[in-house]
Amino acid sequence: MTRLYPRSTLKRIIHAHEPTLKMAKNVDIKIYVLYLLFLQRLVAEASRQAQLSHDSIIQSRHVIRAVRMVLQQFKG
């Protein structure tokens, strides 16, 4: 089975941002899954924004509008 992402790289990134926090064994997997869920919702919302403006291609302006909405959903 191939690895989907390098766990050690993700752990290093997390540790660089929060060096004082200790991580449980599988926290990096949960963070990665939440990251993928965020990207999936971002693409769906950006696609919806493109459809509302009658564009067939997602452009940066659609993503910028979508980021605001998706970030509100992920606050918690």
PDB file of N, CA and C in Angstrom:
ATOM      1  N   MET A   1       0.847  -1.186   0.000  1.00  0.00           N
ATOM      2  CA  MET A   1       0.000   0.000   0.000  1.00  0.00           C
ATOM      3  C   MET A   1       0.886   1.241   0.000  1.00  0.00           C
ATOM      4  N   THR A   2       0.582   2.175  -0.851  1.00  0.00           N
ATOM      5  CA  THR A   2       1.378   3.391  -0.928  1.00  0.00           C
ATOM      6  C   THR A   2       0.909   4.400   0.107  1.00  0.00           C
ATOM      7  N   ARG A   3       1.837   5.205   0.560  1.00  0.00           N
ATOM      8  CA  ARG A   3       1.492   6.236   1.528  1.00  0.00           C
ATOM      9  C   ARG A   3       0.905   7.435   0.809  1.00  0.00           C
ATOM     10  N   LEU A   4      -0.133   8.018   1.404  1.00  0.00           N
ATOM     11  CA  LEU A   4      -0.802   9.152   0.783  1.00  0.00           C
ATOM     12  C   LEU A   4      -0.029  10.444   0.985  1.00  0.00           C
ATOM     13  N   TYR A   5       0.664  10.555   2.098  1.00  0.00           N
ATOM     14  CA  TYR A   5       1.411  11.760   2.407  1.00  0.00           C
ATOM     15  C   TYR A   5       2.533  11.386   3.368  1.00  0.00           C
ATOM     16  N   PRO A   6       3.616  12.138   3.359  1.00  0.00           N
ATOM     17  CA  PRO A   6       4.718  11.849   4.289  1.00  0.00           C
ATOM     18  C   PRO A   6       4.383  12.336   5.696  1.00  0.00           C
ATOM     19  N   ARG A   7       4.143  11.420   6.604  1.00  0.00           N
ATOM     20  CA  ARG A   7       3.745  11.772   7.965  1.00  0.00           C
ATOM     21  C   ARG A   7       4.813  12.583   8.673  1.00  0.00           C
ATOM     22  N   SER A   8       6.069  12.249   8.433  1.00  0.00           N
ATOM     23  CA  SER A   8       7.141  12.963   9.124  1.00  0.00           C
ATOM     24  C   SER A   8       7.186  14.429   8.714  1.00  0.00           C
ATOM     25  N   THR A   9       6.919  14.715   7.456  1.00  0.00           N
ATOM     26  CA  THR A   9       6.902  16.104   6.986  1.00  0.00           C
ATOM     27  C   THR A   9       5.774  16.880   7.652  1.00  0.00           C
ATOM     28  N   LEU A  10       4.605  16.276   7.719  1.00  0.00           N
ATOM     29  CA  LEU A  10       3.466  16.932   8.355  1.00  0.00           C
ATOM     30  C   LEU A  10       3.741  17.171   9.836  1.00  0.00           C
ATOM     31  N   LYS A  11       4.339  16.202  10.506  1.00  0.00           N
ATOM     32  CA  LYS A  11       4.671  16.367  11.920  1.00  0.00           C
ATOM     33  C   LYS A  11       5.668  17.507  12.114  1.00  0.00           C
ATOM     34  N   ARG A  12       6.637  17.611  11.222  1.00  0.00           N
ATOM     35  CA  ARG A  12       7.615  18.704  11.307  1.00  0.00           C
ATOM     36  C   ARG A  12       6.947  20.060  11.119  1.00  0.00           C
ATOM     37  N   ILE A  13       6.007  20.146  10.194  1.00  0.00           N
ATOM     38  CA  ILE A  13       5.295  21.404   9.950  1.00  0.00           C
ATOM     39  C   ILE A  13       4.478  21.793  11.177  1.00  0.00           C
ATOM     40  N   ILE A  14       3.773  20.830  11.744  1.00  0.00           N
ATOM     41  CA  ILE A  14       2.967  21.102  12.933  1.00  0.00           C
ATOM     42  C   ILE A  14       3.861  21.540  14.085  1.00  0.00           C
ATOM     43  N   HIS A  15       4.973  20.830  14.273  1.00  0.00           N
ATOM     44  CA  HIS A  15       5.889  21.168  15.367  1.00  0.00           C
ATOM     45  C   HIS A  15       6.512  22.549  15.165  1.00  0.00           C
ATOM     46  N   ALA A  16       6.756  22.940  13.920  1.00  0.00           N
ATOM     47  CA  ALA A  16       7.335  24.259  13.644  1.00  0.00           C
ATOM     48  C   ALA A  16       6.369  25.374  14.028  1.00  0.00           C
ATOM     49  N   HIS A  17       5.076  25.140  13.864  1.00  0.00           N
ATOM     50  CA  HIS A  17       4.083  26.165  14.193  1.00  0.00           C
ATOM     51  C   HIS A  17       3.728  26.187  15.670  1.00  0.00           C
ATOM     52  N   GLU A  18       3.745  25.034  16.308  1.00  0.00           N
ATOM     53  CA  GLU A  18       3.400  24.921  17.726  1.00  0.00           C
ATOM     54  C   GLU A  18       4.453  24.078  18.442  1.00  0.00           C
ATOM     55  N   PRO A  19       5.638  24.623  18.692  1.00  0.00           N
ATOM     56  CA  PRO A  19       6.725  23.805  19.242  1.00  0.00           C
ATOM     57  C   PRO A  19       6.511  23.359  20.688  1.00  0.00           C
ATOM     58  N   THR A  20       5.675  24.049  21.432  1.00  0.00           N
ATOM     59  CA  THR A  20       5.494  23.688  22.837  1.00  0.00           C
ATOM     60  C   THR A  20       4.439  22.614  23.060  1.00  0.00           C
ATOM     61  N   LEU A  21       3.616  22.353  22.066  1.00  0.00           N
ATOM     62  CA  LEU A  21       2.553  21.363  22.220  1.00  0.00           C
ATOM     63  C   LEU A  21       3.052  19.960  21.898  1.00  0.00           C
ATOM     64  N   LYS A  22       2.602  19.004  22.677  1.00  0.00           N
ATOM     65  CA  LYS A  22       2.896  17.598  22.409  1.00  0.00           C
ATOM     66  C   LYS A  22       1.739  17.018  21.608  1.00  0.00           C
ATOM     67  N   MET A  23       2.060  16.177  20.640  1.00  0.00           N
ATOM     68  CA  MET A  23       1.031  15.578  19.800  1.00  0.00           C
ATOM     69  C   MET A  23       0.814  14.126  20.185  1.00  0.00           C
ATOM     70  N   ALA A  24      -0.441  13.705  20.138  1.00  0.00           N
ATOM     71  CA  ALA A  24      -0.749  12.297  20.323  1.00  0.00           C
ATOM     72  C   ALA A  24      -0.263  11.521  19.099  1.00  0.00           C
ATOM     73  N   LYS A  25      -0.356  10.223  19.184  1.00  0.00           N
ATOM     74  CA  LYS A  25       0.234   9.369  18.161  1.00  0.00           C
ATOM     75  C   LYS A  25      -0.328   9.602  16.756  1.00  0.00           C
ATOM     76  N   ASN A  26      -1.634   9.723  16.620  1.00  0.00           N
ATOM     77  CA  ASN A  26      -2.256   9.805  15.294  1.00  0.00           C
ATOM     78  C   ASN A  26      -2.916  11.146  15.013  1.00  0.00           C
ATOM     79  N   VAL A  27      -2.485  12.190  15.672  1.00  0.00           N
ATOM     80  CA  VAL A  27      -3.078  13.511  15.453  1.00  0.00           C
ATOM     81  C   VAL A  27      -2.798  14.009  14.040  1.00  0.00           C
ATOM     82  N   ASP A  28      -1.639  13.686  13.517  1.00  0.00           N
ATOM     83  CA  ASP A  28      -1.303  14.151  12.165  1.00  0.00           C
ATOM     84  C   ASP A  28      -2.264  13.591  11.130  1.00  0.00           C
ATOM     85  N   ILE A  29      -2.772  12.392  11.335  1.00  0.00           N
ATOM     86  CA  ILE A  29      -3.740  11.811  10.405  1.00  0.00           C
ATOM     87  C   ILE A  29      -5.043  12.602  10.442  1.00  0.00           C
ATOM     88  N   LYS A  30      -5.489  12.953  11.629  1.00  0.00           N
ATOM     89  CA  LYS A  30      -6.727  13.733  11.758  1.00  0.00           C
ATOM     90  C   LYS A  30      -6.557  15.108  11.120  1.00  0.00           C
ATOM     91  N   ILE A  31      -5.422  15.742  11.336  1.00  0.00           N
ATOM     92  CA  ILE A  31      -5.159  17.047  10.734  1.00  0.00           C
ATOM     93  C   ILE A  31      -5.164  16.940   9.215  1.00  0.00           C
ATOM     94  N   TYR A  32      -4.564  15.884   8.687  1.00  0.00           N
ATOM     95  CA  TYR A  32      -4.522  15.689   7.242  1.00  0.00           C
ATOM     96  C   TYR A  32      -5.926  15.483   6.671  1.00  0.00           C
ATOM     97  N   VAL A  33      -6.755  14.708   7.348  1.00  0.00           N
ATOM     98  CA  VAL A  33      -8.125  14.466   6.882  1.00  0.00           C
ATOM     99  C   VAL A  33      -8.932  15.763   6.917  1.00  0.00           C
ATOM    100  N   LEU A  34      -8.783  16.553   7.976  1.00  0.00           N
ATOM    101  CA  LEU A  34      -9.481  17.842   8.046  1.00  0.00           C
ATOM    102  C   LEU A  34      -9.004  18.792   6.948  1.00  0.00           C
ATOM    103  N   TYR A  35      -7.709  18.740   6.632  1.00  0.00           N
ATOM    104  CA  TYR A  35      -7.159  19.556   5.545  1.00  0.00           C
ATOM    105  C   TYR A  35      -7.790  19.162   4.216  1.00  0.00           C
ATOM    106  N   LEU A  36      -7.902  17.858   3.964  1.00  0.00           N
ATOM    107  CA  LEU A  36      -8.530  17.401   2.719  1.00  0.00           C
ATOM    108  C   LEU A  36      -9.997  17.788   2.654  1.00  0.00           C
ATOM    109  N   LEU A  37     -10.695  17.698   3.778  1.00  0.00           N
ATOM    110  CA  LEU A  37     -12.090  18.099   3.829  1.00  0.00           C
ATOM    111  C   LEU A  37     -12.241  19.595   3.550  1.00  0.00           C
ATOM    112  N   PHE A  38     -11.334  20.388   4.107  1.00  0.00           N
ATOM    113  CA  PHE A  38     -11.346  21.822   3.849  1.00  0.00           C
ATOM    114  C   PHE A  38     -11.144  22.104   2.363  1.00  0.00           C
ATOM    115  N   LEU A  39     -10.167  21.455   1.747  1.00  0.00           N
ATOM    116  CA  LEU A  39      -9.922  21.671   0.318  1.00  0.00           C
ATOM    117  C   LEU A  39     -11.108  21.238  -0.532  1.00  0.00           C
ATOM    118  N   GLN A  40     -11.730  20.129  -0.162  1.00  0.00           N
ATOM    119  CA  GLN A  40     -12.895  19.653  -0.903  1.00  0.00           C
ATOM    120  C   GLN A  40     -14.038  20.667  -0.840  1.00  0.00           C
ATOM    121  N   ARG A  41     -14.305  21.194   0.336  1.00  0.00           N
ATOM    122  CA  ARG A  41     -15.366  22.204   0.477  1.00  0.00           C
ATOM    123  C   ARG A  41     -14.997  23.496  -0.233  1.00  0.00           C
ATOM    124  N   LEU A  42     -13.723  23.856  -0.211  1.00  0.00           N
ATOM    125  CA  LEU A  42     -13.272  25.066  -0.888  1.00  0.00           C
ATOM    126  C   LEU A  42     -13.482  24.953  -2.395  1.00  0.00           C
ATOM    127  N   VAL A  43     -13.133  23.829  -2.967  1.00  0.00           N
ATOM    128  CA  VAL A  43     -13.316  23.627  -4.408  1.00  0.00           C
ATOM    129  C   VAL A  43     -14.801  23.619  -4.761  1.00  0.00           C
ATOM    130  N   ALA A  44     -15.620  22.987  -3.941  1.00  0.00           N
ATOM    131  CA  ALA A  44     -17.062  22.949  -4.214  1.00  0.00           C
ATOM    132  C   ALA A  44     -17.659  24.353  -4.157  1.00  0.00           C
ATOM    133  N   GLU A  45     -17.271  25.128  -3.158  1.00  0.00           N
ATOM    134  CA  GLU A  45     -17.794  26.491  -3.034  1.00  0.00           C
ATOM    135  C   GLU A  45     -17.271  27.390  -4.148  1.00  0.00           C
ATOM    136  N   ALA A  46     -16.013  27.239  -4.522  1.00  0.00           N
ATOM    137  CA  ALA A  46     -15.456  28.028  -5.623  1.00  0.00           C
ATOM    138  C   ALA A  46     -16.155  27.674  -6.936  1.00  0.00           C
ATOM    139  N   SER A  47     -16.478  26.418  -7.105  1.00  0.00           N
ATOM    140  CA  SER A  47     -17.211  25.994  -8.295  1.00  0.00           C
ATOM    141  C   SER A  47     -18.600  26.621  -8.314  1.00  0.00           C
ATOM    142  N   ARG A  48     -19.248  26.658  -7.156  1.00  0.00           N
ATOM    143  CA  ARG A  48     -20.562  27.292  -7.068  1.00  0.00           C
ATOM    144  C   ARG A  48     -20.475  28.778  -7.375  1.00  0.00           C
ATOM    145  N   GLN A  49     -19.429  29.446  -6.893  1.00  0.00           N
ATOM    146  CA  GLN A  49     -19.234  30.869  -7.176  1.00  0.00           C
ATOM    147  C   GLN A  49     -19.014  31.099  -8.674  1.00  0.00           C
ATOM    148  N   ALA A  50     -18.287  30.186  -9.316  1.00  0.00           N
ATOM    149  CA  ALA A  50     -18.065  30.303 -10.761  1.00  0.00           C
ATOM    150  C   ALA A  50     -19.375  30.132 -11.526  1.00  0.00           C
ATOM    151  N   GLN A  51     -20.200  29.217 -11.087  1.00  0.00           N
ATOM    152  CA  GLN A  51     -21.492  29.015 -11.750  1.00  0.00           C
ATOM    153  C   GLN A  51     -22.398  30.219 -11.577  1.00  0.00           C
ATOM    154  N   LEU A  52     -22.353  30.834 -10.394  1.00  0.00           N
ATOM    155  CA  LEU A  52     -23.184  32.016 -10.165  1.00  0.00           C
ATOM    156  C   LEU A  52     -22.789  33.177 -11.059  1.00  0.00           C
ATOM    157  N   SER A  53     -21.505  33.271 -11.387  1.00  0.00           N
ATOM    158  CA  SER A  53     -21.054  34.352 -12.258  1.00  0.00           C
ATOM    159  C   SER A  53     -20.982  33.910 -13.724  1.00  0.00           C
ATOM    160  N   HIS A  54     -21.574  32.746 -14.024  1.00  0.00           N
ATOM    161  CA  HIS A  54     -21.674  32.214 -15.388  1.00  0.00           C
ATOM    162  C   HIS A  54     -20.306  32.006 -16.031  1.00  0.00           C
ATOM    163  N   ASP A  55     -19.342  31.543 -15.252  1.00  0.00           N
ATOM    164  CA  ASP A  55     -18.021  31.188 -15.774  1.00  0.00           C
ATOM    165  C   ASP A  55     -17.882  29.674 -15.759  1.00  0.00           C
ATOM    166  N   SER A  56     -17.186  29.155 -16.746  1.00  0.00           N
ATOM    167  CA  SER A  56     -16.985  27.702 -16.794  1.00  0.00           C
ATOM    168  C   SER A  56     -15.663  27.293 -16.137  1.00  0.00           C
ATOM    169  N   ILE A  57     -14.833  28.257 -15.807  1.00  0.00           N
ATOM    170  CA  ILE A  57     -13.529  27.994 -15.195  1.00  0.00           C
ATOM    171  C   ILE A  57     -13.475  28.683 -13.841  1.00  0.00           C
ATOM    172  N   ILE A  58     -12.954  27.964 -12.842  1.00  0.00           N
ATOM    173  CA  ILE A  58     -12.781  28.557 -11.516  1.00  0.00           C
ATOM    174  C   ILE A  58     -11.575  29.485 -11.568  1.00  0.00           C
ATOM    175  N   GLN A  59     -11.785  30.724 -11.211  1.00  0.00           N
ATOM    176  CA  GLN A  59     -10.706  31.710 -11.214  1.00  0.00           C
ATOM    177  C   GLN A  59     -10.378  32.105  -9.780  1.00  0.00           C
ATOM    178  N   SER A  60      -9.308  32.879  -9.621  1.00  0.00           N
ATOM    179  CA  SER A  60      -8.866  33.248  -8.276  1.00  0.00           C
ATOM    180  C   SER A  60      -9.922  34.062  -7.534  1.00  0.00           C
ATOM    181  N   ARG A  61     -10.677  34.865  -8.236  1.00  0.00           N
ATOM    182  CA  ARG A  61     -11.713  35.657  -7.565  1.00  0.00           C
ATOM    183  C   ARG A  61     -12.800  34.770  -6.974  1.00  0.00           C
ATOM    184  N   HIS A  62     -13.079  33.641  -7.616  1.00  0.00           N
ATOM    185  CA  HIS A  62     -14.063  32.704  -7.085  1.00  0.00           C
ATOM    186  C   HIS A  62     -13.529  32.039  -5.818  1.00  0.00           C
ATOM    187  N   VAL A  63     -12.248  31.705  -5.835  1.00  0.00           N
ATOM    188  CA  VAL A  63     -11.640  31.064  -4.670  1.00  0.00           C
ATOM    189  C   VAL A  63     -11.592  32.038  -3.498  1.00  0.00           C
ATOM    190  N   ILE A  64     -11.281  33.294  -3.765  1.00  0.00           N
ATOM    191  CA  ILE A  64     -11.224  34.297  -2.693  1.00  0.00           C
ATOM    192  C   ILE A  64     -12.590  34.458  -2.040  1.00  0.00           C
ATOM    193  N   ARG A  65     -13.645  34.483  -2.841  1.00  0.00           N
ATOM    194  CA  ARG A  65     -14.995  34.579  -2.282  1.00  0.00           C
ATOM    195  C   ARG A  65     -15.343  33.320  -1.482  1.00  0.00           C
ATOM    196  N   ALA A  66     -14.921  32.180  -1.997  1.00  0.00           N
ATOM    197  CA  ALA A  66     -15.245  30.905  -1.352  1.00  0.00           C
ATOM    198  C   ALA A  66     -14.493  30.729  -0.039  1.00  0.00           C
ATOM    199  N   VAL A  67     -13.288  31.262   0.059  1.00  0.00           N
ATOM    200  CA  VAL A  67     -12.488  31.107   1.277  1.00  0.00           C
ATOM    201  C   VAL A  67     -13.213  31.693   2.474  1.00  0.00           C
ATOM    202  N   ARG A  68     -13.812  32.842   2.298  1.00  0.00           N
ATOM    203  CA  ARG A  68     -14.527  33.474   3.406  1.00  0.00           C
ATOM    204  C   ARG A  68     -15.620  32.563   3.960  1.00  0.00           C
ATOM    205  N   MET A  69     -16.399  31.971   3.071  1.00  0.00           N
ATOM    206  CA  MET A  69     -17.509  31.120   3.500  1.00  0.00           C
ATOM    207  C   MET A  69     -17.019  29.823   4.137  1.00  0.00           C
ATOM    208  N   VAL A  70     -16.026  29.214   3.528  1.00  0.00           N
ATOM    209  CA  VAL A  70     -15.547  27.930   4.028  1.00  0.00           C
ATOM    210  C   VAL A  70     -14.832  28.105   5.364  1.00  0.00           C
ATOM    211  N   LEU A  71     -14.090  29.175   5.525  1.00  0.00           N
ATOM    212  CA  LEU A  71     -13.418  29.416   6.818  1.00  0.00           C
ATOM    213  C   LEU A  71     -14.426  29.623   7.938  1.00  0.00           C
ATOM    214  N   GLN A  72     -15.554  30.236   7.645  1.00  0.00           N
ATOM    215  CA  GLN A  72     -16.593  30.387   8.655  1.00  0.00           C
ATOM    216  C   GLN A  72     -17.155  29.034   9.082  1.00  0.00           C
ATOM    217  N   GLN A  73     -17.261  28.118   8.153  1.00  0.00           N
ATOM    218  CA  GLN A  73     -17.756  26.777   8.484  1.00  0.00           C
ATOM    219  C   GLN A  73     -16.774  25.998   9.345  1.00  0.00           C
ATOM    220  N   PHE A  74     -15.474  26.236   9.170  1.00  0.00           N
ATOM    221  CA  PHE A  74     -14.459  25.486   9.881  1.00  0.00           C
ATOM    222  C   PHE A  74     -14.058  26.111  11.207  1.00  0.00           C
ATOM    223  N   LYS A  75     -14.572  27.279  11.535  1.00  0.00           N
ATOM    224  CA  LYS A  75     -14.283  27.842  12.852  1.00  0.00           C
ATOM    225  C   LYS A  75     -15.038  27.036  13.876  1.00  0.00           C
ATOM    226  N   GLY A  76     -14.415  26.801  15.015  1.00  0.00           N
ATOM    227  CA  GLY A  76     -15.182  26.081  15.977  1.00  0.00           C
ATOM    228  C   GLY A  76     -14.424  25.737  17.166  1.00  0.00           C
TER     229      GLY A  76
END
